[in-house]
C-alpha atoms as a PDB file:
ATOM      1  CA  MET A   1      -0.030   0.018   0.023  1.00  0.00           C
ATOM      2  CA  GLN A   2       1.448   3.376  -1.077  1.00  0.00           C
ATOM      3  CA  ARG A   3       2.041   5.784   1.691  1.00  0.00           C
ATOM      4  CA  PRO A   4       0.330   9.231   1.415  1.00  0.00           C
ATOM      5  CA  ASP A   5       2.441  11.889  -0.176  1.00  0.00           C
ATOM      6  CA  PHE A   6       2.795  14.742   2.287  1.00  0.00           C
ATOM      7  CA  ASP A   7       5.188  17.236   0.657  1.00  0.00           C
ATOM      8  CA  ILE A   8       5.650  19.228   3.724  1.00  0.00           C
ATOM      9  CA  LEU A   9       7.215  16.274   5.469  1.00  0.00           C
ATOM     10  CA  GLY A  10       9.366  15.246   2.508  1.00  0.00           C
ATOM     11  CA  ASP A  11      10.105  11.543   1.991  1.00  0.00           C
ATOM     12  CA  THR A  12      10.518  10.645   5.548  1.00  0.00           C
ATOM     13  CA  ASP A  13       9.080   7.515   7.063  1.00  0.00           C
ATOM     14  CA  PHE A  14       7.853   8.306  10.622  1.00  0.00           C
ATOM     15  CA  ARG A  15       6.513   4.746  11.538  1.00  0.00           C
ATOM     16  CA  GLY A  16       7.451   3.977  15.124  1.00  0.00           C
ATOM     17  CA  ARG A  17       8.137   7.759  15.735  1.00  0.00           C
ATOM     18  CA  PRO A  18       4.551   9.080  16.196  1.00  0.00           C
ATOM     19  CA  TRP A  19       5.537  12.573  17.622  1.00  0.00           C
ATOM     20  CA  GLU A  20       8.237  13.425  15.088  1.00  0.00           C
ATOM     21  CA  ALA A  21       6.027  14.547  12.285  1.00  0.00           C
ATOM     22  CA  PRO A  22       3.632  16.585  14.353  1.00  0.00           C
ATOM     23  CA  LEU A  23       6.721  18.283  16.117  1.00  0.00           C
ATOM     24  CA  LYS A  24       8.287  18.956  12.674  1.00  0.00           C
ATOM     25  CA  VAL A  25       5.068  20.450  11.354  1.00  0.00           C
ATOM     26  CA  ALA A  26       4.685  22.540  14.517  1.00  0.00           C
ATOM     27  CA  GLY A  27       8.393  23.814  14.155  1.00  0.00           C
ATOM     28  CA  ILE A  28       7.965  24.784  10.506  1.00  0.00           C
ATOM     29  CA  TYR A  29       4.796  26.737  11.383  1.00  0.00           C
ATOM     30  CA  ALA A  30       6.466  28.408  14.402  1.00  0.00           C
ATOM     31  CA  VAL A  31       9.325  29.552  12.284  1.00  0.00           C
ATOM     32  CA  VAL A  32       7.017  30.784   9.457  1.00  0.00           C
ATOM     33  CA  ALA A  33       4.645  32.592  11.978  1.00  0.00           C
ATOM     34  CA  ALA A  34       7.424  34.436  13.821  1.00  0.00           C
ATOM     35  CA  ALA A  35       9.057  35.433  10.505  1.00  0.00           C
ATOM     36  CA  TRP A  36       5.721  36.783   9.336  1.00  0.00           C
ATOM     37  CA  ILE A  37       5.092  38.665  12.559  1.00  0.00           C
ATOM     38  CA  VAL A  38       8.604  40.205  12.779  1.00  0.00           C
ATOM     39  CA  LEU A  39       9.059  41.122   9.159  1.00  0.00           C
ATOM     40  CA  SER A  40       5.576  42.328   8.593  1.00  0.00           C
ATOM     41  CA  ASP A  41       5.742  44.562  11.562  1.00  0.00           C
ATOM     42  CA  ARG A  42       8.922  46.103  10.334  1.00  0.00           C
ATOM     43  CA  LEU A  43       7.491  46.625   6.936  1.00  0.00           C
ATOM     44  CA  LEU A  44       4.417  48.290   8.280  1.00  0.00           C
ATOM     45  CA  TYR A  45       6.574  50.650  10.549  1.00  0.00           C
ATOM     46  CA  GLY A  46       8.619  51.640   7.661  1.00  0.00           C
ATOM     47  CA  LEU A  47       5.927  52.333   5.147  1.00  0.00           C
ATOM     48  CA  PHE A  48       3.044  53.717   7.329  1.00  0.00           C
ATOM     49  CA  PRO A  49       4.389  56.107  10.108  1.00  0.00           C
ATOM     50  CA  ASP A  50       0.866  57.237  10.867  1.00  0.00           C
ATOM     51  CA  ALA A  51      -0.329  55.608  14.216  1.00  0.00           C
ATOM     52  CA  GLU A  52      -4.102  55.466  13.239  1.00  0.00           C
ATOM     53  CA  GLN A  53      -3.392  53.940   9.889  1.00  0.00           C
ATOM     54  CA  LEU A  54      -0.851  51.569  11.357  1.00  0.00           C
ATOM     55  CA  SER A  55      -3.321  50.423  13.941  1.00  0.00           C
ATOM     56  CA  TRP A  56      -5.813  49.633  11.290  1.00  0.00           C
ATOM     57  CA  LEU A  57      -3.135  47.800   9.179  1.00  0.00           C
ATOM     58  CA  GLN A  58      -2.103  45.792  12.201  1.00  0.00           C
ATOM     59  CA  THR A  59      -5.685  44.681  12.835  1.00  0.00           C
ATOM     60  CA  PHE A  60      -6.065  43.690   9.044  1.00  0.00           C
ATOM     61  CA  LYS A  61      -2.739  41.851   9.395  1.00  0.00           C
ATOM     62  CA  GLY A  62      -3.820  39.905  12.377  1.00  0.00           C
ATOM     63  CA  TRP A  63      -7.073  38.767  10.827  1.00  0.00           C
ATOM     64  CA  PHE A  64      -5.217  37.838   7.710  1.00  0.00           C
ATOM     65  CA  PHE A  65      -2.881  35.761   9.675  1.00  0.00           C
ATOM     66  CA  VAL A  66      -5.849  34.093  11.426  1.00  0.00           C
ATOM     67  CA  ALA A  67      -7.538  33.335   8.085  1.00  0.00           C
ATOM     68  CA  ALA A  68      -4.293  31.988   6.462  1.00  0.00           C
ATOM     69  CA  THR A  69      -3.725  29.868   9.535  1.00  0.00           C
ATOM     70  CA  ALA A  70      -7.322  28.479   9.429  1.00  0.00           C
ATOM     71  CA  LEU A  71      -7.027  27.824   5.705  1.00  0.00           C
ATOM     72  CA  LEU A  72      -3.728  26.044   6.149  1.00  0.00           C
ATOM     73  CA  LEU A  73      -5.169  23.962   9.072  1.00  0.00           C
ATOM     74  CA  ALA A  74      -8.217  23.106   7.002  1.00  0.00           C
ATOM     75  CA  TRP A  75      -5.980  21.901   4.153  1.00  0.00           C
ATOM     76  CA  LEU A  76      -3.795  19.784   6.469  1.00  0.00           C
ATOM     77  CA  VAL A  77      -6.842  18.344   8.107  1.00  0.00           C
ATOM     78  CA  HIS A  78      -8.409  17.631   4.787  1.00  0.00           C
ATOM     79  CA  ARG A  79      -5.250  15.853   3.605  1.00  0.00           C
ATOM     80  CA  TYR A  80      -4.996  13.879   6.737  1.00  0.00           C
ATOM     81  CA  ILE A  81      -8.650  12.674   6.421  1.00  0.00           C
ATOM     82  CA  VAL A  82      -8.262  11.861   2.789  1.00  0.00           C
ATOM     83  CA  ALA A  83      -5.134   9.875   3.529  1.00  0.00           C
ATOM     84  CA  LEU A  84      -7.113   8.090   6.449  1.00  0.00           C
ATOM     85  CA  GLN A  85      -9.883   7.247   4.161  1.00  0.00           C
ATOM     86  CA  GLY A  86      -7.505   5.773   1.563  1.00  0.00           C
ATOM     87  CA  GLU A  87      -5.775   3.707   4.156  1.00  0.00           C
ATOM     88  CA  ALA A  88      -9.199   2.583   5.460  1.00  0.00           C
ATOM     89  CA  ARG A  89     -10.400   1.434   2.012  1.00  0.00           C
ATOM     90  CA  SER A  90      -7.048  -0.353   1.402  1.00  0.00           C
ATOM     91  CA  PHE A  91      -7.281  -2.109   4.826  1.00  0.00           C
ATOM     92  CA  GLN A  92     -10.752  -3.151   4.019  1.00  0.00           C
ATOM     93  CA  LYS A  93      -9.799  -4.702   0.708  1.00  0.00           C
ATOM     94  CA  VAL A  94      -6.867  -6.537   2.483  1.00  0.00           C
ATOM     95  CA  GLN A  95      -9.396  -7.646   5.197  1.00  0.00           C
ATOM     96  CA  GLU A  96     -11.807  -8.980   2.580  1.00  0.00           C
ATOM     97  CA  SER A  97      -9.046 -10.845   0.877  1.00  0.00           C
ATOM     98  CA  PHE A  98      -7.884 -12.295   4.098  1.00  0.00           C
ATOM     99  CA  ARG A  99     -11.344 -13.295   5.013  1.00  0.00           C
ATOM    100  CA  ALA A 100     -11.869 -14.963   1.777  1.00  0.00           C
ATOM    101  CA  LEU A 101      -8.480 -16.784   2.192  1.00  0.00           C
ATOM    102  CA  VAL A 102      -9.381 -17.909   5.704  1.00  0.00           C
ATOM    103  CA  GLU A 103     -12.856 -19.199   4.673  1.00  0.00           C
ATOM    104  CA  THR A 104     -11.584 -21.159   1.645  1.00  0.00           C
ATOM    105  CA  ILE A 105      -8.408 -22.602   2.831  1.00  0.00           C
ATOM    106  CA  PRO A 106      -8.496 -26.386   3.254  1.00  0.00           C
ATOM    107  CA  HIS A 107      -6.594 -26.208   6.572  1.00  0.00           C
ATOM    108  CA  GLY A 108      -8.268 -25.500   9.781  1.00  0.00           C
ATOM    109  CA  ILE A 109      -7.455 -22.322  11.609  1.00  0.00           C
ATOM    110  CA  GLN A 110      -7.698 -21.916  15.412  1.00  0.00           C
ATOM    111  CA  GLU A 111      -6.962 -18.945  17.619  1.00  0.00           C
ATOM    112  CA  SER A 112      -7.001 -19.266  21.361  1.00  0.00           C
ATOM    113  CA  ASP A 113      -6.129 -17.083  24.344  1.00  0.00           C
ATOM    114  CA  THR A 114      -3.450 -17.627  26.993  1.00  0.00           C
ATOM    115  CA  ARG A 115      -5.981 -19.616  29.039  1.00  0.00           C
ATOM    116  CA  GLY A 116      -6.498 -22.107  26.215  1.00  0.00           C
ATOM    117  CA  VAL A 117      -9.957 -20.806  25.421  1.00  0.00           C
ATOM    118  CA  ILE A 118     -10.702 -20.914  21.621  1.00  0.00           C
ATOM    119  CA  THR A 119     -11.502 -17.530  20.376  1.00  0.00           C
ATOM    120  CA  PHE A 120     -11.848 -18.145  16.556  1.00  0.00           C
ATOM    121  CA  THR A 121     -12.106 -20.991  13.975  1.00  0.00           C
ATOM    122  CA  ASN A 122     -12.538 -21.081  10.306  1.00  0.00           C
ATOM    123  CA  PRO A 123     -15.075 -23.325   8.295  1.00  0.00           C
ATOM    124  CA  ALA A 124     -12.256 -25.921   7.462  1.00  0.00           C
ATOM    125  CA  TYR A 125     -11.692 -26.389  11.153  1.00  0.00           C
ATOM    126  CA  ASP A 126     -15.362 -26.935  11.725  1.00  0.00           C
ATOM    127  CA  ARG A 127     -15.534 -29.525   8.919  1.00  0.00           C
ATOM    128  CA  ILE A 128     -12.523 -31.372  10.440  1.00  0.00           C
ATOM    129  CA  PHE A 129     -14.249 -31.853  13.719  1.00  0.00           C
ATOM    130  CA  GLY A 130     -17.797 -32.012  12.424  1.00  0.00           C
ATOM    131  CA  LEU A 131     -18.840 -28.944  14.173  1.00  0.00           C
ATOM    132  CA  ASP A 132     -21.399 -26.170  13.495  1.00  0.00           C
ATOM    133  CA  PRO A 133     -19.991 -22.630  12.619  1.00  0.00           C
ATOM    134  CA  ASN A 134     -18.290 -21.234  15.654  1.00  0.00           C
ATOM    135  CA  GLU A 135     -19.434 -24.081  17.967  1.00  0.00           C
ATOM    136  CA  ALA A 136     -15.846 -24.550  19.282  1.00  0.00           C
ATOM    137  CA  VAL A 137     -15.517 -20.824  20.268  1.00  0.00           C
ATOM    138  CA  GLY A 138     -15.497 -20.587  24.043  1.00  0.00           C
ATOM    139  CA  THR A 139     -14.380 -24.181  24.620  1.00  0.00           C
ATOM    140  CA  ALA A 140     -10.933 -25.281  25.722  1.00  0.00           C
ATOM    141  CA  ILE A 141      -8.327 -26.603  23.322  1.00  0.00           C
ATOM    142  CA  TRP A 142      -7.991 -29.836  25.392  1.00  0.00           C
ATOM    143  CA  ASP A 143     -11.612 -30.740  25.393  1.00  0.00           C
ATOM    144  CA  LYS A 144     -11.093 -32.658  22.173  1.00  0.00           C
ATOM    145  CA  TYR A 145      -8.424 -34.907  23.745  1.00  0.00           C
ATOM    146  CA  PRO A 146      -9.828 -38.434  24.324  1.00  0.00           C
ATOM    147  CA  ASP A 147      -7.470 -39.239  27.228  1.00  0.00           C
ATOM    148  CA  LYS A 148      -7.586 -37.401  30.711  1.00  0.00           C
ATOM    149  CA  ASP A 149      -3.863 -37.814  31.014  1.00  0.00           C
ATOM    150  CA  GLU A 150      -3.247 -36.157  27.670  1.00  0.00           C
ATOM    151  CA  ARG A 151      -5.511 -33.374  28.681  1.00  0.00           C
ATOM    152  CA  LYS A 152      -3.579 -32.734  31.881  1.00  0.00           C
ATOM    153  CA  MET A 153      -0.267 -32.655  30.017  1.00  0.00           C
ATOM    154  CA  LEU A 154      -1.695 -30.101  27.575  1.00  0.00           C
ATOM    155  CA  VAL A 155      -2.784 -27.871  30.360  1.00  0.00           C
ATOM    156  CA  GLU A 156       0.795 -27.962  31.974  1.00  0.00           C
ATOM    157  CA  TYR A 157       2.387 -27.492  28.463  1.00  0.00           C
ATOM    158  CA  LEU A 158       0.199 -24.419  27.860  1.00  0.00           C
ATOM    159  CA  GLN A 159       1.356 -22.972  31.164  1.00  0.00           C
ATOM    160  CA  GLU A 160       4.936 -23.565  30.200  1.00  0.00           C
ATOM    161  CA  LEU A 161       4.427 -21.932  26.900  1.00  0.00           C
ATOM    162  CA  VAL A 162       2.937 -18.866  28.525  1.00  0.00           C
ATOM    163  CA  GLU A 163       5.776 -18.516  31.046  1.00  0.00           C
ATOM    164  CA  LYS A 164       8.915 -19.574  28.933  1.00  0.00           C
ATOM    165  CA  GLN A 165       7.641 -18.947  25.361  1.00  0.00           C
ATOM    166  CA  PRO A 166      10.039 -21.470  23.709  1.00  0.00           C
ATOM    167  CA  GLU A 167      10.316 -21.751  19.893  1.00  0.00           C
ATOM    168  CA  PRO A 168       7.076 -23.126  18.289  1.00  0.00           C
ATOM    169  CA  THR A 169       7.329 -26.721  17.163  1.00  0.00           C
ATOM    170  CA  PRO A 170       4.629 -28.534  15.199  1.00  0.00           C
ATOM    171  CA  TYR A 171       3.206 -31.700  16.827  1.00  0.00           C
ATOM    172  CA  VAL A 172       0.889 -34.637  15.810  1.00  0.00           C
ATOM    173  CA  THR A 173      -2.021 -35.854  17.905  1.00  0.00           C
ATOM    174  CA  ARG A 174      -5.346 -37.425  17.866  1.00  0.00           C
ATOM    175  CA  ASN A 175      -8.549 -35.569  18.733  1.00  0.00           C
ATOM    176  CA  LEU A 176     -12.165 -36.369  19.175  1.00  0.00           C
ATOM    177  CA  VAL A 177     -14.786 -35.462  16.415  1.00  0.00           C
ATOM    178  CA  LYS A 178     -18.467 -34.463  17.303  1.00  0.00           C
ATOM    179  CA  THR A 179     -19.771 -37.758  15.890  1.00  0.00           C
ATOM    180  CA  GLY A 180     -17.758 -39.716  18.477  1.00  0.00           C
ATOM    181  CA  GLY A 181     -14.840 -40.938  16.341  1.00  0.00           C
ATOM    182  CA  THR A 182     -11.325 -39.691  16.176  1.00  0.00           C
ATOM    183  CA  VAL A 183      -9.216 -37.704  13.663  1.00  0.00           C
ATOM    184  CA  ASP A 184      -5.419 -37.483  13.440  1.00  0.00           C
ATOM    185  CA  ILE A 185      -4.200 -33.936  13.106  1.00  0.00           C
ATOM    186  CA  GLN A 186      -0.927 -32.079  12.628  1.00  0.00           C
ATOM    187  CA  VAL A 187      -0.832 -28.717  14.523  1.00  0.00           C
ATOM    188  CA  ASP A 188       1.630 -25.988  13.371  1.00  0.00           C
ATOM    189  CA  TRP A 189       1.317 -22.937  15.644  1.00  0.00           C
ATOM    190  CA  ASN A 190       2.817 -19.714  16.697  1.00  0.00           C
ATOM    191  CA  TYR A 191       2.275 -16.878  19.261  1.00  0.00           C
ATOM    192  CA  LEU A 192      -0.099 -13.964  18.964  1.00  0.00           C
ATOM    193  CA  ARG A 193       1.127 -10.615  20.342  1.00  0.00           C
ATOM    194  CA  ASP A 194      -0.127  -7.197  20.576  1.00  0.00           C
ATOM    195  CA  GLY A 195       1.608  -4.010  19.458  1.00  0.00           C
ATOM    196  CA  ARG A 196       3.913  -3.923  22.445  1.00  0.00           C
ATOM    197  CA  GLY A 197       4.974  -7.472  21.769  1.00  0.00           C
ATOM    198  CA  ARG A 198       3.051  -8.893  24.789  1.00  0.00           C
ATOM    199  CA  LEU A 199       1.712 -12.437  24.443  1.00  0.00           C
ATOM    200  CA  THR A 200      -2.172 -12.488  23.871  1.00  0.00           C
ATOM    201  CA  GLY A 201      -2.657 -16.014  22.637  1.00  0.00           C
ATOM    202  CA  PHE A 202      -1.879 -18.672  20.079  1.00  0.00           C
ATOM    203  CA  ALA A 203      -2.650 -19.162  16.321  1.00  0.00           C
ATOM    204  CA  SER A 204      -2.737 -22.708  15.076  1.00  0.00           C
ATOM    205  CA  ILE A 205      -3.026 -24.427  11.554  1.00  0.00           C
ATOM    206  CA  VAL A 206      -4.794 -27.703  11.891  1.00  0.00           C
ATOM    207  CA  THR A 207      -4.252 -30.309   9.169  1.00  0.00           C
ATOM    208  CA  ASP A 208      -6.322 -33.624   8.928  1.00  0.00           C
ATOM    209  CA  ILE A 209      -3.666 -36.185   8.401  1.00  0.00           C
ATOM    210  CA  THR A 210      -6.093 -39.242   8.961  1.00  0.00           C
ATOM    211  CA  GLU A 211      -5.962 -40.420   5.489  1.00  0.00           C
ATOM    212  CA  ARG A 212      -2.208 -39.876   5.160  1.00  0.00           C
ATOM    213  CA  ARG A 213      -1.668 -41.999   8.406  1.00  0.00           C
ATOM    214  CA  LYS A 214      -3.791 -44.825   6.891  1.00  0.00           C
ATOM    215  CA  ALA A 215      -1.781 -44.589   3.727  1.00  0.00           C
ATOM    216  CA  GLU A 216       1.429 -44.773   5.651  1.00  0.00           C
ATOM    217  CA  GLU A 217       0.285 -47.602   7.736  1.00  0.00           C
ATOM    218  CA  ALA A 218      -0.791 -49.525   4.528  1.00  0.00           C
ATOM    219  CA  ILE A 219       2.648 -48.948   3.029  1.00  0.00           C
ATOM    220  CA  ARG A 220       4.286 -50.374   6.269  1.00  0.00           C
ATOM    221  CA  ALA A 221       1.895 -53.234   6.230  1.00  0.00           C
ATOM    222  CA  ASN A 222       2.831 -53.888   2.528  1.00  0.00           C
ATOM    223  CA  ASP A 223       6.472 -53.646   3.299  1.00  0.00           C
ATOM    224  CA  ARG A 224       5.941 -56.257   6.250  1.00  0.00           C
ATOM    225  CA  LEU A 225       4.181 -58.620   3.738  1.00  0.00           C
ATOM    226  CA  LYS A 226       6.948 -58.398   1.179  1.00  0.00           C
ATOM    227  CA  SER A 227       9.495 -59.127   3.936  1.00  0.00           C
ATOM    228  CA  GLU A 228       7.516 -62.199   5.013  1.00  0.00           C
ATOM    229  CA  LEU A 229       6.990 -63.414   1.437  1.00  0.00           C
ATOM    230  CA  ILE A 230      10.725 -63.018   0.647  1.00  0.00           C
ATOM    231  CA  THR A 231      11.529 -64.839   3.926  1.00  0.00           C
ATOM    232  CA  THR A 232       9.095 -67.676   3.085  1.00  0.00           C
ATOM    233  CA  ALA A 233      10.349 -67.915  -0.439  1.00  0.00           C
ATOM    234  CA  ALA A 234      13.816 -67.932   0.604  1.00  0.00           C
ATOM    235  CA  HIS A 235      12.968 -70.772   3.068  1.00  0.00           C
ATOM    236  CA  GLU A 236      11.154 -72.737   0.319  1.00  0.00           C
ATOM    237  CA  PHE A 237      13.982 -72.469  -2.070  1.00  0.00           C
ATOM    238  CA  ARG A 238      16.667 -73.309   0.612  1.00  0.00           C
ATOM    239  CA  THR A 239      15.212 -76.713   1.652  1.00  0.00           C
ATOM    240  CA  PRO A 240      15.245 -78.424  -1.892  1.00  0.00           C
ATOM    241  CA  LEU A 241      18.546 -76.700  -2.784  1.00  0.00           C
ATOM    242  CA  THR A 242      20.081 -78.222   0.483  1.00  0.00           C
ATOM    243  CA  THR A 243      18.737 -81.611  -0.609  1.00  0.00           C
ATOM    244  CA  ILE A 244      20.168 -81.362  -4.164  1.00  0.00           C
ATOM    245  CA  GLN A 245      23.441 -79.985  -2.701  1.00  0.00           C
ATOM    246  CA  GLY A 246      23.735 -82.872  -0.391  1.00  0.00           C
ATOM    247  CA  PHE A 247      22.989 -85.778  -2.949  1.00  0.00           C
ATOM    248  CA  ALA A 248      25.412 -84.040  -5.432  1.00  0.00           C
ATOM    249  CA  GLU A 249      28.342 -83.981  -2.907  1.00  0.00           C
ATOM    250  CA  LEU A 250      27.651 -87.719  -1.985  1.00  0.00           C
ATOM    251  CA  MET A 251      28.181 -88.714  -5.729  1.00  0.00           C
ATOM    252  CA  THR A 252      31.234 -86.319  -6.088  1.00  0.00           C
ATOM    253  CA  ASP A 253      32.849 -87.551  -2.798  1.00  0.00           C
ATOM    254  CA  ASN A 254      32.083 -91.187  -3.558  1.00  0.00           C
ATOM    255  CA  PRO A 255      33.221 -92.180  -7.029  1.00  0.00           C
ATOM    256  CA  GLU A 256      32.900 -95.942  -6.211  1.00  0.00           C
ATOM    257  CA  LEU A 257      29.136 -95.637  -6.006  1.00  0.00           C
ATOM    258  CA  GLY A 258      27.352 -98.127  -8.199  1.00  0.00           C
ATOM    259  CA  TYR A 259      25.000 -97.352 -11.159  1.00  0.00           C
ATOM    260  CA  ALA A 260      21.803 -98.109  -9.149  1.00  0.00           C
ATOM    261  CA  GLU A 261      22.782 -95.886  -6.246  1.00  0.00           C
ATOM    262  CA  ARG A 262      23.701 -93.006  -8.593  1.00  0.00           C
ATOM    263  CA  GLY A 263      20.352 -93.464 -10.408  1.00  0.00           C
ATOM    264  CA  GLU A 264      18.637 -93.212  -6.976  1.00  0.00           C
ATOM    265  CA  TYR A 265      20.366 -90.055  -5.972  1.00  0.00           C
ATOM    266  CA  LEU A 266      19.780 -88.479  -9.424  1.00  0.00           C
ATOM    267  CA  GLY A 267      16.082 -89.342  -8.974  1.00  0.00           C
ATOM    268  CA  TYR A 268      16.101 -87.335  -5.660  1.00  0.00           C
ATOM    269  CA  ILE A 269      17.909 -84.568  -7.402  1.00  0.00           C
ATOM    270  CA  GLN A 270      15.359 -84.579 -10.272  1.00  0.00           C
ATOM    271  CA  ARG A 271      12.305 -84.489  -7.838  1.00  0.00           C
ATOM    272  CA  LYS A 272      13.545 -81.626  -5.951  1.00  0.00           C
ATOM    273  CA  CYS A 273      14.115 -79.705  -9.302  1.00  0.00           C
ATOM    274  CA  TYR A 274      10.528 -80.342 -10.042  1.00  0.00           C
ATOM    275  CA  ASP A 275       9.546 -78.910  -6.683  1.00  0.00           C
ATOM    276  CA  LEU A 276      11.547 -75.858  -7.414  1.00  0.00           C
ATOM    277  CA  SER A 277       9.779 -75.344 -10.858  1.00  0.00           C
END
């Protein structure tokens, strides 16, 4: 958003120094007013020595100064109001864009105060937990935890965050939904602060990872099945191969074996080969 162009202030950015701009304007006005009073008085004294005429001109000069000051003040106020109106319109557009983003984003958004009470949720958050709009507002963030011990741990963790304010770290957990089931979620969060940097609450992005976890579990189950199949297949191959190897070594180590015995051993080897095929 473009900053309003006040020529009297130059191209100086006064953000974070709210009194600098007013004091600069007041200083410029004081210098101009003092110069006007001193120089105009000297000019009048030099041009009009008559006291009555000088008194009338002094009065006229005073009223002229009042009128000029009023016009200048009106112009400055007008410029200020126009600038405020422009910023208000720009802020409204940004606010509308932000609202549209919050309402259409597929991730849940939750805001809570330092006590753990939810103060805002977006439509995606309500869909994840099967809630009506704003139904979660006013409830505690640990109300959705199915286990009492986990609720207690979250209460203690929240107190630690408020007191120590460590670096935010995402976490994965399981929450209850309105229908009675559960949902696996990933929570990415950060602190909310006021203009002075004081902690006012927490903002969280909630992502439903239930399907992702199911897919990951299916992949792990598939990997386990592959491992079992490979182990079984290796065992099935190892047994006949051991038999074949044994009979082959008997014939190799005993060249005096007769034709009948060799035929018997070759029969064993042939049957095991059939088993492998």
